[in-house]
Amino acid sequence: MGRELTADTAAAARHARFGKLPERIRFEDMAEEVEATPDGGLNAYNPEGSWKYYSCLALDLGL
């Protein structure tokens, strides 16, 4: 008998905490539009300088 009471108490506590879903969030509230390059393109891709950032494990190990 005490076991059923404990289960009911636990079920009531779960229902009190999780019994209602949160309110829906509109898509307009989730999405934000920002400028693609806020710095005006200062950090744009530079093919001539890209060799500086090349990394290869075989070259690092001297193979």
PDB file of N, CA and C in Angstrom:
ATOM      1  N   MET A   1       0.824  -1.185   0.000  1.00  0.00           N
ATOM      2  CA  MET A   1       0.000   0.000   0.000  1.00  0.00           C
ATOM      3  C   MET A   1       0.873   1.255   0.000  1.00  0.00           C
ATOM      4  N   GLY A   2       1.914   1.235   0.772  1.00  0.00           N
ATOM      5  CA  GLY A   2       2.802   2.383   0.819  1.00  0.00           C
ATOM      6  C   GLY A   2       3.541   2.582  -0.488  1.00  0.00           C
ATOM      7  N   ARG A   3       3.742   1.483  -1.198  1.00  0.00           N
ATOM      8  CA  ARG A   3       4.436   1.570  -2.474  1.00  0.00           C
ATOM      9  C   ARG A   3       3.592   2.319  -3.504  1.00  0.00           C
ATOM     10  N   GLU A   4       2.293   2.077  -3.531  1.00  0.00           N
ATOM     11  CA  GLU A   4       1.397   2.780  -4.447  1.00  0.00           C
ATOM     12  C   GLU A   4       1.331   4.264  -4.107  1.00  0.00           C
ATOM     13  N   LEU A   5       1.331   4.578  -2.838  1.00  0.00           N
ATOM     14  CA  LEU A   5       1.281   5.970  -2.406  1.00  0.00           C
ATOM     15  C   LEU A   5       2.543   6.711  -2.859  1.00  0.00           C
ATOM     16  N   THR A   6       3.697   6.032  -2.745  1.00  0.00           N
ATOM     17  CA  THR A   6       4.946   6.645  -3.176  1.00  0.00           C
ATOM     18  C   THR A   6       4.936   6.875  -4.686  1.00  0.00           C
ATOM     19  N   ALA A   7       4.436   5.927  -5.443  1.00  0.00           N
ATOM     20  CA  ALA A   7       4.375   6.071  -6.890  1.00  0.00           C
ATOM     21  C   ALA A   7       3.440   7.212  -7.268  1.00  0.00           C
ATOM     22  N   ASP A   8       2.305   7.326  -6.564  1.00  0.00           N
ATOM     23  CA  ASP A   8       1.379   8.411  -6.854  1.00  0.00           C
ATOM     24  C   ASP A   8       1.987   9.761  -6.496  1.00  0.00           C
ATOM     25  N   THR A   9       2.710   9.811  -5.406  1.00  0.00           N
ATOM     26  CA  THR A   9       3.354  11.052  -4.996  1.00  0.00           C
ATOM     27  C   THR A   9       4.414  11.462  -6.018  1.00  0.00           C
ATOM     28  N   ALA A  10       5.186  10.476  -6.475  1.00  0.00           N
ATOM     29  CA  ALA A  10       6.213  10.765  -7.470  1.00  0.00           C
ATOM     30  C   ALA A  10       5.571  11.192  -8.791  1.00  0.00           C
ATOM     31  N   ALA A  11       4.490  10.541  -9.175  1.00  0.00           N
ATOM     32  CA  ALA A  11       3.795  10.895 -10.409  1.00  0.00           C
ATOM     33  C   ALA A  11       3.211  12.302 -10.306  1.00  0.00           C
ATOM     34  N   ALA A  12       2.682  12.644  -9.152  1.00  0.00           N
ATOM     35  CA  ALA A  12       2.128  13.983  -8.953  1.00  0.00           C
ATOM     36  C   ALA A  12       3.231  15.039  -9.013  1.00  0.00           C
ATOM     37  N   ALA A  13       4.384  14.726  -8.455  1.00  0.00           N
ATOM     38  CA  ALA A  13       5.506  15.665  -8.499  1.00  0.00           C
ATOM     39  C   ALA A  13       5.996  15.847  -9.937  1.00  0.00           C
ATOM     40  N   ARG A  14       6.086  14.744 -10.706  1.00  0.00           N
ATOM     41  CA  ARG A  14       6.493  14.844 -12.108  1.00  0.00           C
ATOM     42  C   ARG A  14       5.492  15.651 -12.914  1.00  0.00           C
ATOM     43  N   HIS A  15       4.208  15.408 -12.647  1.00  0.00           N
ATOM     44  CA  HIS A  15       3.179  16.133 -13.383  1.00  0.00           C
ATOM     45  C   HIS A  15       3.211  17.627 -13.042  1.00  0.00           C
ATOM     46  N   ALA A  16       3.491  17.946 -11.786  1.00  0.00           N
ATOM     47  CA  ALA A  16       3.566  19.351 -11.388  1.00  0.00           C
ATOM     48  C   ALA A  16       4.751  20.043 -12.072  1.00  0.00           C
ATOM     49  N   ARG A  17       5.845  19.292 -12.271  1.00  0.00           N
ATOM     50  CA  ARG A  17       7.032  19.899 -12.858  1.00  0.00           C
ATOM     51  C   ARG A  17       7.013  19.872 -14.381  1.00  0.00           C
ATOM     52  N   PHE A  18       6.585  18.745 -14.964  1.00  0.00           N
ATOM     53  CA  PHE A  18       6.675  18.563 -16.412  1.00  0.00           C
ATOM     54  C   PHE A  18       5.316  18.402 -17.083  1.00  0.00           C
ATOM     55  N   GLY A  19       4.235  18.663 -16.398  1.00  0.00           N
ATOM     56  CA  GLY A  19       2.910  18.399 -16.938  1.00  0.00           C
ATOM     57  C   GLY A  19       2.490  19.328 -18.061  1.00  0.00           C
ATOM     58  N   LYS A  20       3.161  20.441 -18.239  1.00  0.00           N
ATOM     59  CA  LYS A  20       2.772  21.411 -19.258  1.00  0.00           C
ATOM     60  C   LYS A  20       3.986  21.740 -20.117  1.00  0.00           C
ATOM     61  N   LEU A  21       3.780  21.745 -21.438  1.00  0.00           N
ATOM     62  CA  LEU A  21       4.863  22.101 -22.344  1.00  0.00           C
ATOM     63  C   LEU A  21       5.111  23.610 -22.299  1.00  0.00           C
ATOM     64  N   PRO A  22       6.335  24.031 -22.547  1.00  0.00           N
ATOM     65  CA  PRO A  22       6.599  25.471 -22.596  1.00  0.00           C
ATOM     66  C   PRO A  22       5.905  26.100 -23.795  1.00  0.00           C
ATOM     67  N   GLU A  23       5.741  27.398 -23.751  1.00  0.00           N
ATOM     68  CA  GLU A  23       5.090  28.092 -24.853  1.00  0.00           C
ATOM     69  C   GLU A  23       5.961  28.019 -26.093  1.00  0.00           C
ATOM     70  N   ARG A  24       5.302  28.009 -27.254  1.00  0.00           N
ATOM     71  CA  ARG A  24       6.030  27.950 -28.525  1.00  0.00           C
ATOM     72  C   ARG A  24       6.800  29.231 -28.773  1.00  0.00           C
ATOM     73  N   ILE A  25       7.955  29.067 -29.405  1.00  0.00           N
ATOM     74  CA  ILE A  25       8.765  30.217 -29.810  1.00  0.00           C
ATOM     75  C   ILE A  25       8.577  30.386 -31.303  1.00  0.00           C
ATOM     76  N   ARG A  26       8.221  31.571 -31.715  1.00  0.00           N
ATOM     77  CA  ARG A  26       8.007  31.832 -33.138  1.00  0.00           C
ATOM     78  C   ARG A  26       9.336  31.785 -33.879  1.00  0.00           C
ATOM     79  N   PHE A  27       9.288  31.424 -35.165  1.00  0.00           N
ATOM     80  CA  PHE A  27      10.507  31.353 -35.970  1.00  0.00           C
ATOM     81  C   PHE A  27      11.165  32.719 -36.075  1.00  0.00           C
ATOM     82  N   GLU A  28      10.376  33.767 -36.167  1.00  0.00           N
ATOM     83  CA  GLU A  28      10.930  35.115 -36.274  1.00  0.00           C
ATOM     84  C   GLU A  28      11.745  35.484 -35.042  1.00  0.00           C
ATOM     85  N   ASP A  29      11.380  34.913 -33.891  1.00  0.00           N
ATOM     86  CA  ASP A  29      12.126  35.190 -32.668  1.00  0.00           C
ATOM     87  C   ASP A  29      13.419  34.383 -32.594  1.00  0.00           C
ATOM     88  N   MET A  30      13.494  33.277 -33.354  1.00  0.00           N
ATOM     89  CA  MET A  30      14.683  32.432 -33.319  1.00  0.00           C
ATOM     90  C   MET A  30      15.727  32.881 -34.332  1.00  0.00           C
ATOM     91  N   ALA A  31      15.309  33.428 -35.451  1.00  0.00           N
ATOM     92  CA  ALA A  31      16.240  33.792 -36.521  1.00  0.00           C
ATOM     93  C   ALA A  31      16.674  35.245 -36.368  1.00  0.00           C
ATOM     94  N   GLU A  32      17.926  35.481 -36.694  1.00  0.00           N
ATOM     95  CA  GLU A  32      18.457  36.833 -36.622  1.00  0.00           C
ATOM     96  C   GLU A  32      19.254  37.099 -37.890  1.00  0.00           C
ATOM     97  N   GLU A  33      19.006  38.215 -38.522  1.00  0.00           N
ATOM     98  CA  GLU A  33      19.725  38.571 -39.727  1.00  0.00           C
ATOM     99  C   GLU A  33      20.865  39.513 -39.365  1.00  0.00           C
ATOM    100  N   VAL A  34      22.063  39.139 -39.823  1.00  0.00           N
ATOM    101  CA  VAL A  34      23.238  39.977 -39.595  1.00  0.00           C
ATOM    102  C   VAL A  34      23.986  40.124 -40.915  1.00  0.00           C
ATOM    103  N   GLU A  35      24.795  41.147 -41.006  1.00  0.00           N
ATOM    104  CA  GLU A  35      25.596  41.377 -42.201  1.00  0.00           C
ATOM    105  C   GLU A  35      26.660  40.281 -42.304  1.00  0.00           C
ATOM    106  N   ALA A  36      26.901  39.794 -43.503  1.00  0.00           N
ATOM    107  CA  ALA A  36      27.827  38.682 -43.688  1.00  0.00           C
ATOM    108  C   ALA A  36      29.256  39.075 -43.322  1.00  0.00           C
ATOM    109  N   THR A  37      29.702  40.254 -43.720  1.00  0.00           N
ATOM    110  CA  THR A  37      31.050  40.704 -43.395  1.00  0.00           C
ATOM    111  C   THR A  37      30.961  42.061 -42.706  1.00  0.00           C
ATOM    112  N   PRO A  38      30.858  42.068 -41.396  1.00  0.00           N
ATOM    113  CA  PRO A  38      30.731  43.346 -40.701  1.00  0.00           C
ATOM    114  C   PRO A  38      31.990  44.199 -40.782  1.00  0.00           C
ATOM    115  N   ASP A  39      33.138  43.594 -41.103  1.00  0.00           N
ATOM    116  CA  ASP A  39      34.371  44.372 -41.183  1.00  0.00           C
ATOM    117  C   ASP A  39      34.609  44.936 -42.577  1.00  0.00           C
ATOM    118  N   GLY A  40      33.637  44.801 -43.469  1.00  0.00           N
ATOM    119  CA  GLY A  40      33.774  45.362 -44.809  1.00  0.00           C
ATOM    120  C   GLY A  40      34.662  44.545 -45.723  1.00  0.00           C
ATOM    121  N   GLY A  41      34.909  43.289 -45.400  1.00  0.00           N
ATOM    122  CA  GLY A  41      35.719  42.431 -46.253  1.00  0.00           C
ATOM    123  C   GLY A  41      37.197  42.461 -45.934  1.00  0.00           C
ATOM    124  N   LEU A  42      37.590  42.970 -44.804  1.00  0.00           N
ATOM    125  CA  LEU A  42      39.012  43.019 -44.456  1.00  0.00           C
ATOM    126  C   LEU A  42      39.590  41.629 -44.258  1.00  0.00           C
ATOM    127  N   ASN A  43      38.772  40.690 -43.797  1.00  0.00           N
ATOM    128  CA  ASN A  43      39.236  39.332 -43.547  1.00  0.00           C
ATOM    129  C   ASN A  43      38.810  38.389 -44.671  1.00  0.00           C
ATOM    130  N   ALA A  44      38.701  38.896 -45.876  1.00  0.00           N
ATOM    131  CA  ALA A  44      38.297  38.078 -47.012  1.00  0.00           C
ATOM    132  C   ALA A  44      39.404  37.083 -47.357  1.00  0.00           C
ATOM    133  N   TYR A  45      39.053  36.050 -48.110  1.00  0.00           N
ATOM    134  CA  TYR A  45      40.014  35.026 -48.522  1.00  0.00           C
ATOM    135  C   TYR A  45      41.084  35.636 -49.409  1.00  0.00           C
ATOM    136  N   ASN A  46      42.315  35.345 -49.089  1.00  0.00           N
ATOM    137  CA  ASN A  46      43.451  35.836 -49.858  1.00  0.00           C
ATOM    138  C   ASN A  46      44.223  34.617 -50.359  1.00  0.00           C
ATOM    139  N   PRO A  47      44.084  34.256 -51.644  1.00  0.00           N
ATOM    140  CA  PRO A  47      44.756  33.046 -52.137  1.00  0.00           C
ATOM    141  C   PRO A  47      46.277  33.144 -52.098  1.00  0.00           C
ATOM    142  N   GLU A  48      46.834  34.328 -52.203  1.00  0.00           N
ATOM    143  CA  GLU A  48      48.293  34.475 -52.171  1.00  0.00           C
ATOM    144  C   GLU A  48      48.853  34.269 -50.768  1.00  0.00           C
ATOM    145  N   GLY A  49      48.079  34.571 -49.760  1.00  0.00           N
ATOM    146  CA  GLY A  49      48.558  34.411 -48.396  1.00  0.00           C
ATOM    147  C   GLY A  49      48.085  33.131 -47.735  1.00  0.00           C
ATOM    148  N   SER A  50      47.352  32.287 -48.473  1.00  0.00           N
ATOM    149  CA  SER A  50      46.804  31.085 -47.853  1.00  0.00           C
ATOM    150  C   SER A  50      47.878  30.044 -47.551  1.00  0.00           C
ATOM    151  N   TRP A  51      49.025  30.100 -48.201  1.00  0.00           N
ATOM    152  CA  TRP A  51      50.082  29.120 -47.956  1.00  0.00           C
ATOM    153  C   TRP A  51      50.610  29.212 -46.525  1.00  0.00           C
ATOM    154  N   LYS A  52      50.458  30.358 -45.890  1.00  0.00           N
ATOM    155  CA  LYS A  52      50.963  30.538 -44.528  1.00  0.00           C
ATOM    156  C   LYS A  52      50.217  29.672 -43.523  1.00  0.00           C
ATOM    157  N   TYR A  53      48.979  29.297 -43.846  1.00  0.00           N
ATOM    158  CA  TYR A  53      48.144  28.559 -42.912  1.00  0.00           C
ATOM    159  C   TYR A  53      48.011  27.092 -43.291  1.00  0.00           C
ATOM    160  N   TYR A  54      48.842  26.617 -44.233  1.00  0.00           N
ATOM    161  CA  TYR A  54      48.794  25.234 -44.674  1.00  0.00           C
ATOM    162  C   TYR A  54      49.395  24.355 -43.602  1.00  0.00           C
ATOM    163  N   SER A  55      48.731  23.252 -43.305  1.00  0.00           N
ATOM    164  CA  SER A  55      49.231  22.330 -42.306  1.00  0.00           C
ATOM    165  C   SER A  55      49.073  20.913 -42.819  1.00  0.00           C
ATOM    166  N   CYS A  56      50.120  20.132 -42.700  1.00  0.00           N
ATOM    167  CA  CYS A  56      50.097  18.741 -43.149  1.00  0.00           C
ATOM    168  C   CYS A  56      50.881  17.921 -42.132  1.00  0.00           C
ATOM    169  N   LEU A  57      50.284  16.856 -41.641  1.00  0.00           N
ATOM    170  CA  LEU A  57      50.933  16.036 -40.622  1.00  0.00           C
ATOM    171  C   LEU A  57      52.212  15.411 -41.159  1.00  0.00           C
ATOM    172  N   ALA A  58      52.191  14.956 -42.413  1.00  0.00           N
ATOM    173  CA  ALA A  58      53.389  14.337 -42.993  1.00  0.00           C
ATOM    174  C   ALA A  58      54.538  15.351 -43.043  1.00  0.00           C
ATOM    175  N   LEU A  59      54.247  16.580 -43.405  1.00  0.00           N
ATOM    176  CA  LEU A  59      55.307  17.597 -43.432  1.00  0.00           C
ATOM    177  C   LEU A  59      55.766  17.957 -42.026  1.00  0.00           C
ATOM    178  N   ASP A  60      54.836  17.980 -41.069  1.00  0.00           N
ATOM    179  CA  ASP A  60      55.211  18.279 -39.691  1.00  0.00           C
ATOM    180  C   ASP A  60      56.140  17.209 -39.127  1.00  0.00           C
ATOM    181  N   LEU A  61      55.923  15.951 -39.547  1.00  0.00           N
ATOM    182  CA  LEU A  61      56.759  14.859 -39.051  1.00  0.00           C
ATOM    183  C   LEU A  61      58.039  14.699 -39.874  1.00  0.00           C
ATOM    184  N   GLY A  62      58.175  15.446 -40.946  1.00  0.00           N
ATOM    185  CA  GLY A  62      59.377  15.369 -41.773  1.00  0.00           C
ATOM    186  C   GLY A  62      59.368  14.169 -42.694  1.00  0.00           C
ATOM    187  N   LEU A  63      58.220  13.684 -43.051  1.00  0.00           N
ATOM    188  CA  LEU A  63      58.154  12.501 -43.936  1.00  0.00           C
ATOM    189  C   LEU A  63      58.168  12.893 -45.379  1.00  0.00           C
TER     190      LEU A  63
END
